[in-house]
């Protein structure tokens, strides 16, 4: 089989590497891919959002199966276009991907079907949103309605912060049209857990749990990022909590989407907060998380392509998804200054040291090739994943990997997976 993966970050590199293990696949393409991915797949110079050019490529190259890693093309309707042209593709259609494309829609869906989430209101103008905030308890959370690279969420501890955050989103349009509407919701407290799940429209199979670190600096300080590291399994996601989530959140979400005529085939990412009142949904995503994928897929024992095909064919209930009895931790190596301004083009040293280890995976997110070597080419540059028999061992191995790699102005957190008191 020929397979095309759509996207060009660390998540897509993790997908490509796991698909390489499938005996059913002869060749993997990745559009647009990146320098690191080019070692494992043939990169194609087509943007992930150019869905018509991607469909043309899939037809001309006789691609048997396409996997969409990124959110933007899903929300734009890449699956609808491919299906219209008779092409097999993994991911939700446009009318189901809206659970990520519009936070207002997903909140209204949860409200209608009694799925536990934070209390909220939706606003289309600055003054109404600010008046509502002034009437409510702080801290409070302001979210841009649409896609914002994982950064359109502001936790406001004061009215000044709330006003500035609203201005940034609604007036300054920091996130473009994604900020033309905002969701203002109550601030929930408790540990966060990510549970991704395979879904074929009816059957849902959760993956192993993960937790990520969004803030730029140790101790969860600094600005929100796309993710500075992650680990799996979660330390706090017990079997009891998992059962509650299945009955009160996971199954009701799939059922709700189906009842609304929005059958979901693909990956539903449940961003959960474990509150004193039980687990609640913070957000839905309609695809693999980044960097959660970089710790989840190394733990998968089943053939990933077979699971994808079962989701597309509606036969997920006919297969068993198997996981390894291990743990994984991923540390993101970022450019100094990320998530704000940063320099690019610094040579990356030591990657060959990681290649010699079978318990360390290196996922390229923002790299380029120059003079036959890798250089930095983005905010998040590499994800270094360690795999061990338990979490503590996996974290130790991940940081051993970090110590083997270097580039100028390299920034990373030193507390990924550290137990919180």
Protein backbone atom coordinates (compact mmCIF):
# COMPACT_ATOMS: atom_id res chain seq x y z
CA UNK A 1 0.00 0.00 0.00
CA UNK A 2 0.94 3.64 -0.55
CA UNK A 3 0.06 5.94 2.38
CA UNK A 4 0.05 9.74 2.57
CA UNK A 5 0.37 11.57 5.91
CA UNK A 6 -0.80 15.21 5.92
CA UNK A 7 1.15 17.62 8.16
CA UNK A 8 4.72 18.54 8.99
CA UNK A 9 5.41 18.47 12.73
CA UNK A 10 6.51 16.16 15.50
CA UNK A 11 3.07 14.55 15.64
CA UNK A 12 3.25 13.61 11.96
CA UNK A 13 6.79 12.27 12.42
CA UNK A 14 5.46 10.01 15.20
CA UNK A 15 2.62 8.83 12.94
CA UNK A 16 5.03 8.14 10.07
CA UNK A 17 7.42 6.15 12.27
CA UNK A 18 4.60 4.00 13.68
CA UNK A 19 3.14 3.39 10.20
CA UNK A 20 6.59 2.26 9.03
CA UNK A 21 6.16 -0.76 11.30
CA UNK A 22 3.13 -1.97 9.29
CA UNK A 23 3.86 -4.89 6.95
CA UNK A 24 0.99 -3.73 4.73
CA UNK A 25 2.70 -0.48 3.70
CA UNK A 26 5.22 -0.28 0.85
CA UNK A 27 5.71 3.49 0.68
CA UNK A 28 4.87 6.52 2.86
CA UNK A 29 4.58 10.10 1.62
CA UNK A 30 4.25 13.14 3.89
CA UNK A 31 2.95 16.56 2.83
CA UNK A 32 4.65 18.87 3.51
CA UNK A 33 6.74 16.91 6.06
CA UNK A 34 10.00 18.31 7.40
CA UNK A 35 13.72 17.59 7.28
CA UNK A 36 13.59 14.82 9.88
CA UNK A 37 10.52 13.19 8.36
CA UNK A 38 12.36 13.07 5.00
CA UNK A 39 14.53 10.29 6.44
CA UNK A 40 11.44 8.11 6.99
CA UNK A 41 9.03 9.15 4.23
CA UNK A 42 9.07 10.90 0.86
CA UNK A 43 8.19 14.53 1.55
CA UNK A 44 5.88 16.30 -0.89
CA UNK A 45 5.97 20.08 -1.27
CA UNK A 46 2.24 20.69 -0.81
CA UNK A 47 0.82 22.69 2.11
CA UNK A 48 -1.40 20.74 4.51
CA UNK A 49 -4.17 23.28 3.88
CA UNK A 50 -4.07 22.95 0.07
CA UNK A 51 -6.68 20.23 0.11
CA UNK A 52 -7.39 20.23 -3.63
CA UNK A 53 -3.70 19.87 -4.54
CA UNK A 54 -3.41 17.07 -1.97
CA UNK A 55 -6.39 15.25 -3.51
CA UNK A 56 -4.85 15.65 -6.99
CA UNK A 57 -1.57 14.23 -5.69
CA UNK A 58 -3.34 11.28 -4.03
CA UNK A 59 -5.12 10.46 -7.30
CA UNK A 60 -2.07 10.85 -9.55
CA UNK A 61 0.18 8.78 -7.26
CA UNK A 62 -2.55 6.19 -6.63
CA UNK A 63 -2.38 6.68 -2.86
CA UNK A 64 -4.33 3.89 -1.14
CA UNK A 65 -4.87 5.62 2.21
CA UNK A 66 -4.41 9.15 3.60
CA UNK A 67 -3.97 10.09 7.28
CA UNK A 68 -4.59 13.69 8.38
CA UNK A 69 -2.49 14.82 11.34
CA UNK A 70 -3.35 18.52 11.51
CA UNK A 71 -6.49 20.36 12.61
CA UNK A 72 -6.71 23.03 9.88
CA UNK A 73 -7.31 20.74 6.87
CA UNK A 74 -9.88 18.71 8.84
CA UNK A 75 -11.86 21.82 9.77
CA UNK A 76 -11.58 23.00 6.14
CA UNK A 77 -13.14 19.77 4.87
CA UNK A 78 -10.25 17.72 3.45
CA UNK A 79 -12.06 14.46 4.30
CA UNK A 80 -15.20 15.54 2.42
CA UNK A 81 -13.14 16.44 -0.65
CA UNK A 82 -11.17 13.18 -0.67
CA UNK A 83 -14.31 11.11 -0.19
CA UNK A 84 -16.00 13.02 -3.02
CA UNK A 85 -13.13 11.94 -5.26
CA UNK A 86 -13.35 8.30 -4.13
CA UNK A 87 -10.18 8.43 -2.00
CA UNK A 88 -9.79 6.60 1.34
CA UNK A 89 -8.88 8.99 4.14
CA UNK A 90 -8.68 8.85 7.93
CA UNK A 91 -10.20 11.72 9.89
CA UNK A 92 -13.58 13.33 10.63
CA UNK A 93 -15.61 15.14 7.99
CA UNK A 94 -15.97 18.92 8.22
CA UNK A 95 -19.31 18.79 10.05
CA UNK A 96 -17.78 16.56 12.78
CA UNK A 97 -14.39 18.34 12.99
CA UNK A 98 -16.35 21.39 14.18
CA UNK A 99 -16.00 20.01 17.73
CA UNK A 100 -12.49 21.44 17.51
CA UNK A 101 -13.14 24.17 14.94
CA UNK A 102 -15.65 25.98 17.17
CA UNK A 103 -15.40 26.02 20.96
CA UNK A 104 -18.85 27.60 21.08
CA UNK A 105 -20.31 24.66 19.16
CA UNK A 106 -18.62 22.08 21.39
CA UNK A 107 -19.80 23.84 24.57
CA UNK A 108 -23.37 23.99 23.26
CA UNK A 109 -23.19 20.28 22.36
CA UNK A 110 -22.04 19.41 25.89
CA UNK A 111 -24.75 21.56 27.43
CA UNK A 112 -27.48 19.97 25.27
CA UNK A 113 -26.41 16.39 26.06
CA UNK A 114 -25.43 16.91 29.74
CA UNK A 115 -21.74 16.19 29.23
CA UNK A 116 -19.79 17.57 32.24
CA UNK A 117 -17.92 20.80 31.44
CA UNK A 118 -17.29 24.27 32.90
CA UNK A 119 -20.15 26.80 33.02
CA UNK A 120 -19.80 29.27 30.15
CA UNK A 121 -21.27 32.01 27.98
CA UNK A 122 -20.47 32.90 24.35
CA UNK A 123 -19.98 36.48 23.08
CA UNK A 124 -19.49 38.18 19.72
CA UNK A 125 -18.66 41.67 21.00
CA UNK A 126 -16.06 42.99 23.41
CA UNK A 127 -18.31 45.06 25.70
CA UNK A 128 -20.78 42.24 26.41
CA UNK A 129 -17.96 39.82 27.18
CA UNK A 130 -16.22 42.28 29.51
CA UNK A 131 -19.49 43.12 31.32
CA UNK A 132 -20.09 39.41 31.92
CA UNK A 133 -16.57 38.96 33.30
CA UNK A 134 -17.05 41.89 35.71
CA UNK A 135 -20.16 40.17 37.11
CA UNK A 136 -18.41 36.84 37.72
CA UNK A 137 -15.80 35.34 39.99
CA UNK A 138 -12.10 35.53 39.11
CA UNK A 139 -10.00 33.83 37.88
CA UNK A 140 -11.95 33.27 34.68
CA UNK A 141 -11.03 31.73 31.32
CA UNK A 142 -11.32 33.44 27.93
CA UNK A 143 -11.08 31.30 24.78
CA UNK A 144 -10.97 32.27 21.12
CA UNK A 145 -13.77 30.34 19.44
CA UNK A 146 -11.77 28.98 16.49
CA UNK A 147 -8.39 27.34 15.91
CA UNK A 148 -5.45 29.23 17.41
CA UNK A 149 -2.48 26.83 17.34
CA UNK A 150 -3.31 25.73 20.88
CA UNK A 151 -2.64 29.23 22.20
CA UNK A 152 -6.06 30.93 22.11
CA UNK A 153 -6.82 30.35 25.81
CA UNK A 154 -6.16 33.02 28.44
CA UNK A 155 -6.55 32.47 32.19
CA UNK A 156 -7.41 35.87 33.67
CA UNK A 157 -6.60 36.48 37.34
CA UNK A 158 -7.67 40.14 37.35
CA UNK A 159 -10.04 42.44 35.46
CA UNK A 160 -7.01 44.11 33.89
CA UNK A 161 -5.81 40.77 32.52
CA UNK A 162 -9.32 39.95 31.30
CA UNK A 163 -9.66 43.27 29.50
CA UNK A 164 -6.22 42.91 27.90
CA UNK A 165 -6.93 39.30 26.89
CA UNK A 166 -10.28 40.16 25.34
CA UNK A 167 -8.71 43.08 23.47
CA UNK A 168 -5.94 40.82 22.17
CA UNK A 169 -8.43 38.25 20.87
CA UNK A 170 -11.44 40.34 19.75
CA UNK A 171 -10.05 43.74 18.80
CA UNK A 172 -6.36 43.21 17.94
CA UNK A 173 -7.32 39.91 16.22
CA UNK A 174 -4.18 38.13 17.40
CA UNK A 175 -5.71 34.87 16.18
CA UNK A 176 -7.48 36.33 13.15
CA UNK A 177 -11.12 35.40 12.59
CA UNK A 178 -10.80 32.67 15.25
CA UNK A 179 -11.28 35.49 17.75
CA UNK A 180 -14.42 37.03 16.26
CA UNK A 181 -16.33 35.09 18.93
CA UNK A 182 -15.15 34.13 22.44
CA UNK A 183 -16.19 31.61 25.05
CA UNK A 184 -15.90 32.88 28.63
CA UNK A 185 -16.02 30.07 31.16
CA UNK A 186 -15.56 29.38 34.84
CA UNK A 187 -12.07 28.50 36.02
CA UNK A 188 -11.88 24.85 37.03
CA UNK A 189 -9.21 23.47 39.32
CA UNK A 190 -7.61 20.05 39.34
CA UNK A 191 -5.06 18.04 37.38
CA UNK A 192 -5.47 17.82 33.60
CA UNK A 193 -5.41 14.57 31.64
CA UNK A 194 -5.48 13.93 27.89
CA UNK A 195 -7.32 10.85 26.64
CA UNK A 196 -7.24 10.32 22.89
CA UNK A 197 -9.57 7.77 21.37
CA UNK A 198 -10.11 5.91 18.12
CA UNK A 199 -13.67 6.26 16.82
CA UNK A 200 -15.58 4.75 13.87
CA UNK A 201 -18.78 6.75 14.28
CA UNK A 202 -20.34 4.29 16.74
CA UNK A 203 -17.60 2.45 18.63
CA UNK A 204 -15.01 4.36 20.67
CA UNK A 205 -11.75 2.84 21.97
CA UNK A 206 -9.72 5.08 24.32
CA UNK A 207 -5.94 5.09 23.98
CA UNK A 208 -3.57 5.06 26.94
CA UNK A 209 -3.77 8.29 28.98
CA UNK A 210 -1.26 11.14 28.89
CA UNK A 211 -0.53 14.43 30.62
CA UNK A 212 1.16 17.41 29.02
CA UNK A 213 2.92 20.58 30.11
CA UNK A 214 1.74 23.70 28.25
CA UNK A 215 3.68 26.45 30.02
CA UNK A 216 7.09 27.54 28.74
CA UNK A 217 9.03 27.25 32.00
CA UNK A 218 9.55 24.89 34.93
CA UNK A 219 6.86 24.87 37.60
CA UNK A 220 4.22 25.69 34.99
CA UNK A 221 5.41 29.28 34.73
CA UNK A 222 5.48 31.51 31.66
CA UNK A 223 3.36 31.71 28.54
CA UNK A 224 1.17 28.98 27.10
CA UNK A 225 2.86 27.04 24.30
CA UNK A 226 1.86 24.28 21.92
CA UNK A 227 3.29 21.90 24.54
CA UNK A 228 6.72 21.59 26.19
CA UNK A 229 6.54 17.90 27.05
CA UNK A 230 4.27 15.05 27.96
CA UNK A 231 4.18 11.64 29.59
CA UNK A 232 2.08 8.47 29.50
CA UNK A 233 0.37 7.03 31.44
CA UNK A 234 -1.08 9.77 33.62
CA UNK A 235 -0.26 9.33 37.31
CA UNK A 236 -3.79 10.25 38.39
CA UNK A 237 -6.08 8.69 35.74
CA UNK A 238 -7.30 5.61 37.62
CA UNK A 239 -9.47 2.78 36.30
CA UNK A 240 -12.36 4.23 38.34
CA UNK A 241 -12.00 7.66 36.71
CA UNK A 242 -11.69 5.98 33.30
CA UNK A 243 -15.01 4.16 33.86
CA UNK A 244 -16.74 7.43 34.81
CA UNK A 245 -15.32 9.15 31.73
CA UNK A 246 -16.48 6.33 29.46
CA UNK A 247 -20.06 6.46 30.74
CA UNK A 248 -20.48 10.22 31.28
CA UNK A 249 -18.20 11.76 28.64
CA UNK A 250 -16.81 9.46 25.93
CA UNK A 251 -19.89 7.45 24.90
CA UNK A 252 -22.27 10.43 25.25
CA UNK A 253 -20.03 12.55 23.00
CA UNK A 254 -20.00 9.97 20.19
CA UNK A 255 -23.74 9.44 20.58
CA UNK A 256 -24.43 13.20 20.61
CA UNK A 257 -22.49 13.77 17.40
CA UNK A 258 -24.32 10.90 15.72
CA UNK A 259 -27.72 12.25 16.84
CA UNK A 260 -26.77 15.65 15.42
CA UNK A 261 -26.00 14.07 12.03
CA UNK A 262 -22.27 14.58 12.53
CA UNK A 263 -20.95 11.00 12.63
CA UNK A 264 -17.34 11.14 13.85
CA UNK A 265 -14.70 8.84 12.33
CA UNK A 266 -11.14 9.50 13.41
CA UNK A 267 -9.48 10.62 16.64
CA UNK A 268 -11.41 12.40 19.37
CA UNK A 269 -9.03 14.01 21.84
CA UNK A 270 -10.64 14.59 25.24
CA UNK A 271 -8.90 17.30 27.26
CA UNK A 272 -10.11 16.55 30.79
CA UNK A 273 -9.84 18.17 34.20
CA UNK A 274 -10.26 15.92 37.23
CA UNK A 275 -12.16 18.24 39.59
CA UNK A 276 -13.59 17.62 43.05
CA UNK A 277 -16.94 17.14 41.26
CA UNK A 278 -15.49 14.50 38.95
CA UNK A 279 -13.96 14.66 35.45
CA UNK A 280 -15.03 17.50 33.16
CA UNK A 281 -14.23 18.32 29.54
CA UNK A 282 -11.98 21.33 29.01
CA UNK A 283 -11.72 20.88 25.25
CA UNK A 284 -12.20 18.51 22.34
CA UNK A 285 -9.73 18.08 19.51
CA UNK A 286 -10.53 16.25 16.30
CA UNK A 287 -7.09 14.70 15.76
CA UNK A 288 -3.97 13.41 17.50
CA UNK A 289 -2.48 15.82 20.05
CA UNK A 290 1.02 17.24 19.77
CA UNK A 291 3.15 16.25 21.71
CA UNK A 292 0.87 13.57 23.24
CA UNK A 293 1.20 11.45 20.09
CA UNK A 294 4.95 11.25 20.72
CA UNK A 295 4.36 9.27 23.95
CA UNK A 296 1.20 7.38 22.99
CA UNK A 297 2.24 5.80 19.69
CA UNK A 298 5.52 4.31 20.98
CA UNK A 299 3.32 2.36 23.44
CA UNK A 300 1.01 0.95 20.74
CA UNK A 301 1.49 -2.73 19.95
CA UNK A 302 -1.23 -3.08 17.28
CA UNK A 303 -0.70 -2.23 13.60
CA UNK A 304 -1.70 1.46 13.43
CA UNK A 305 -2.84 1.20 9.80
CA UNK A 306 -5.25 -1.62 10.68
CA UNK A 307 -6.77 0.51 13.46
CA UNK A 308 -7.13 3.48 11.07
CA UNK A 309 -8.81 1.28 8.46
CA UNK A 310 -11.24 -0.12 11.04
CA UNK A 311 -12.25 3.45 11.98
CA UNK A 312 -12.92 4.33 8.34
CA UNK A 313 -14.77 1.07 7.65
CA UNK A 314 -16.91 1.17 10.81
CA UNK A 315 -15.43 -2.11 12.09
CA UNK A 316 -13.62 -0.92 15.22
CA UNK A 317 -15.69 -3.32 17.33
CA UNK A 318 -14.17 -6.23 15.37
CA UNK A 319 -10.53 -5.59 16.33
CA UNK A 320 -8.51 -5.52 19.55
CA UNK A 321 -6.24 -2.53 20.10
CA UNK A 322 -3.22 -3.73 22.09
CA UNK A 323 -0.81 -1.64 24.17
CA UNK A 324 2.63 -2.38 25.58
CA UNK A 325 3.00 -2.58 29.37
CA UNK A 326 5.45 0.33 29.53
CA UNK A 327 5.65 4.11 29.91
CA UNK A 328 6.94 7.02 27.82
CA UNK A 329 8.01 10.62 28.41
CA UNK A 330 8.74 13.32 25.83
CA UNK A 331 10.79 16.49 26.40
CA UNK A 332 10.44 19.24 23.79
CA UNK A 333 13.64 21.00 22.77
CA UNK A 334 12.60 24.51 21.77
CA UNK A 335 14.31 27.59 20.38
CA UNK A 336 15.21 30.18 23.00
CA UNK A 337 12.46 32.82 23.08
CA UNK A 338 9.66 30.43 22.06
CA UNK A 339 6.63 30.91 22.05
CA UNK A 340 7.45 34.53 21.15
CA UNK A 341 10.33 35.59 18.89
CA UNK A 342 13.26 33.25 18.29
CA UNK A 343 16.15 32.75 15.86
CA UNK A 344 16.48 29.88 13.39
CA UNK A 345 19.28 28.16 11.53
CA UNK A 346 21.43 26.85 14.38
CA UNK A 347 23.20 23.52 13.69
CA UNK A 348 21.89 20.59 15.76
CA UNK A 349 24.53 18.31 17.26
CA UNK A 350 24.38 14.81 18.72
CA UNK A 351 21.37 13.26 16.98
CA UNK A 352 23.48 10.29 15.94
CA UNK A 353 23.98 9.51 19.65
CA UNK A 354 20.22 9.07 20.07
CA UNK A 355 20.05 6.89 16.95
CA UNK A 356 22.21 4.32 18.73
CA UNK A 357 19.62 3.86 21.47
CA UNK A 358 16.52 1.72 20.94
CA UNK A 359 14.79 3.25 23.99
CA UNK A 360 15.01 6.84 22.67
CA UNK A 361 12.88 8.24 19.84
CA UNK A 362 13.67 11.60 18.22
CA UNK A 363 10.71 13.34 16.56
CA UNK A 364 11.48 16.33 14.34
CA UNK A 365 9.09 19.27 14.62
CA UNK A 366 10.97 22.35 13.39
CA UNK A 367 14.14 21.33 11.56
CA UNK A 368 15.68 21.95 8.14
CA UNK A 369 18.62 20.47 6.25
CA UNK A 370 21.71 22.59 5.55
CA UNK A 371 25.09 21.32 4.34
CA UNK A 372 23.97 17.72 4.97
CA UNK A 373 23.16 18.47 8.60
CA UNK A 374 20.07 19.43 10.57
CA UNK A 375 19.47 23.03 11.69
CA UNK A 376 16.73 24.60 13.79
CA UNK A 377 13.75 25.88 11.81
CA UNK A 378 10.90 26.51 14.26
CA UNK A 379 9.82 27.23 17.82
CA UNK A 380 9.50 23.61 18.87
CA UNK A 381 12.49 21.91 17.25
CA UNK A 382 12.63 18.31 18.50
CA UNK A 383 10.72 15.95 20.76
CA UNK A 384 12.97 13.53 22.66
CA UNK A 385 10.95 10.53 23.87
CA UNK A 386 12.24 7.96 26.33
CA UNK A 387 10.51 4.61 26.79
CA UNK A 388 10.93 2.57 29.98
CA UNK A 389 9.24 -0.05 32.10
CA UNK A 390 7.66 2.67 34.29
CA UNK A 391 7.26 6.44 34.29
CA UNK A 392 10.30 7.24 36.41
CA UNK A 393 12.52 5.17 34.11
CA UNK A 394 10.99 6.69 30.97
CA UNK A 395 11.57 10.23 32.27
CA UNK A 396 15.18 9.40 33.15
CA UNK A 397 15.78 7.97 29.66
CA UNK A 398 14.15 11.00 27.97
CA UNK A 399 16.51 13.35 29.79
CA UNK A 400 19.46 11.11 28.90
CA UNK A 401 18.40 11.73 25.30
CA UNK A 402 18.19 15.47 25.92
CA UNK A 403 21.78 15.42 27.24
CA UNK A 404 22.96 13.85 23.99
CA UNK A 405 21.63 16.69 21.80
CA UNK A 406 22.53 20.38 21.62
CA UNK A 407 22.02 23.53 19.58
CA UNK A 408 22.59 27.23 20.29
CA UNK A 409 19.94 28.82 22.57
CA UNK A 410 18.28 25.42 23.20
CA UNK A 411 15.45 25.70 25.72
CA UNK A 412 13.59 22.90 27.52
CA UNK A 413 11.79 22.21 30.76
CA UNK A 414 13.54 20.11 33.39
CA UNK A 415 10.39 19.01 35.22
CA UNK A 416 8.46 16.98 32.64
CA UNK A 417 6.59 14.22 34.45
CA UNK A 418 7.77 15.30 37.89
CA UNK A 419 5.31 14.37 40.62
CA UNK A 420 3.36 17.33 41.97
CA UNK A 421 2.74 17.48 45.72
